[in-house]
């Protein structure tokens, strides 16, 4: 398990903001329960717990910037 800062991925960030967002919007409209809180735990509990731990013990470059310079929302 990794601890600390995650390696930034420009390709992953771009994908999440473009095609990924579009795909999620379509799936949310078609599949009932898709994207709802807690559905990952019902579908695959081991993966859900592993991902939850990973996101709590690591941080991204953008999280670091938010902590240093504030969130920008006031």
Protein backbone atom coordinates (compact mmCIF):
# COMPACT_ATOMS: atom_id res chain seq x y z
CA UNK A 1 0.00 0.00 0.00
CA UNK A 2 1.32 3.41 -0.95
CA UNK A 3 1.63 6.20 1.61
CA UNK A 4 2.17 9.85 0.80
CA UNK A 5 1.74 11.73 -2.45
CA UNK A 6 0.25 10.04 -5.51
CA UNK A 7 2.10 10.55 -8.79
CA UNK A 8 0.21 13.12 -10.90
CA UNK A 9 -1.09 11.88 -14.25
CA UNK A 10 -1.99 14.51 -16.83
CA UNK A 11 -3.58 11.85 -19.06
CA UNK A 12 -5.74 10.54 -16.22
CA UNK A 13 -6.84 14.04 -15.20
CA UNK A 14 -7.79 14.95 -18.76
CA UNK A 15 -9.69 11.68 -19.22
CA UNK A 16 -11.65 12.19 -15.99
CA UNK A 17 -12.71 15.68 -17.05
CA UNK A 18 -13.75 14.79 -20.61
CA UNK A 19 -14.74 11.27 -21.68
CA UNK A 20 -14.94 9.98 -18.10
CA UNK A 21 -17.43 12.64 -17.03
CA UNK A 22 -19.53 12.04 -20.15
CA UNK A 23 -19.56 8.26 -19.63
CA UNK A 24 -20.51 8.62 -15.95
CA UNK A 25 -23.38 10.96 -16.84
CA UNK A 26 -24.79 8.45 -19.32
CA UNK A 27 -24.44 5.52 -16.93
CA UNK A 28 -26.06 7.51 -14.12
CA UNK A 29 -29.07 8.15 -16.38
CA UNK A 30 -29.39 4.50 -17.48
CA UNK A 31 -28.33 2.36 -14.50
CA UNK A 32 -30.31 2.80 -11.27
CA UNK A 33 -28.01 3.17 -8.26
CA UNK A 34 -24.92 4.01 -10.35
CA UNK A 35 -22.75 6.62 -8.64
CA UNK A 36 -24.75 6.57 -5.42
CA UNK A 37 -22.94 6.63 -2.12
CA UNK A 38 -22.37 3.18 -0.64
CA UNK A 39 -23.05 1.21 -3.83
CA UNK A 40 -19.39 0.16 -4.15
CA UNK A 41 -19.54 -1.46 -0.73
CA UNK A 42 -22.54 -3.54 -1.81
CA UNK A 43 -21.08 -4.53 -5.17
CA UNK A 44 -17.46 -5.37 -4.16
CA UNK A 45 -16.78 -4.90 -0.43
CA UNK A 46 -13.06 -5.81 -0.48
CA UNK A 47 -12.28 -3.40 -3.31
CA UNK A 48 -14.35 -0.66 -1.68
CA UNK A 49 -12.49 -0.94 1.62
CA UNK A 50 -9.09 -1.09 -0.10
CA UNK A 51 -9.86 2.06 -2.15
CA UNK A 52 -11.17 3.89 0.90
CA UNK A 53 -7.97 3.19 2.84
CA UNK A 54 -5.82 4.17 -0.16
CA UNK A 55 -7.55 7.53 -0.55
CA UNK A 56 -7.15 8.26 3.17
CA UNK A 57 -3.41 7.53 3.36
CA UNK A 58 -2.40 9.22 0.09
CA UNK A 59 -2.88 12.71 -1.29
CA UNK A 60 -2.61 14.31 -4.71
CA UNK A 61 -0.59 17.25 -5.93
CA UNK A 62 -3.80 19.30 -6.10
CA UNK A 63 -4.67 18.47 -2.47
CA UNK A 64 -1.24 19.77 -1.51
CA UNK A 65 -1.82 23.06 -3.38
CA UNK A 66 -5.23 23.48 -1.73
CA UNK A 67 -3.65 23.08 1.71
CA UNK A 68 -0.85 25.53 0.93
CA UNK A 69 -2.89 28.27 -0.74
CA UNK A 70 -6.43 27.68 0.52
CA UNK A 71 -9.36 26.17 -1.30
CA UNK A 72 -10.23 29.35 -3.24
CA UNK A 73 -13.82 29.35 -1.97
CA UNK A 74 -14.63 31.88 0.68
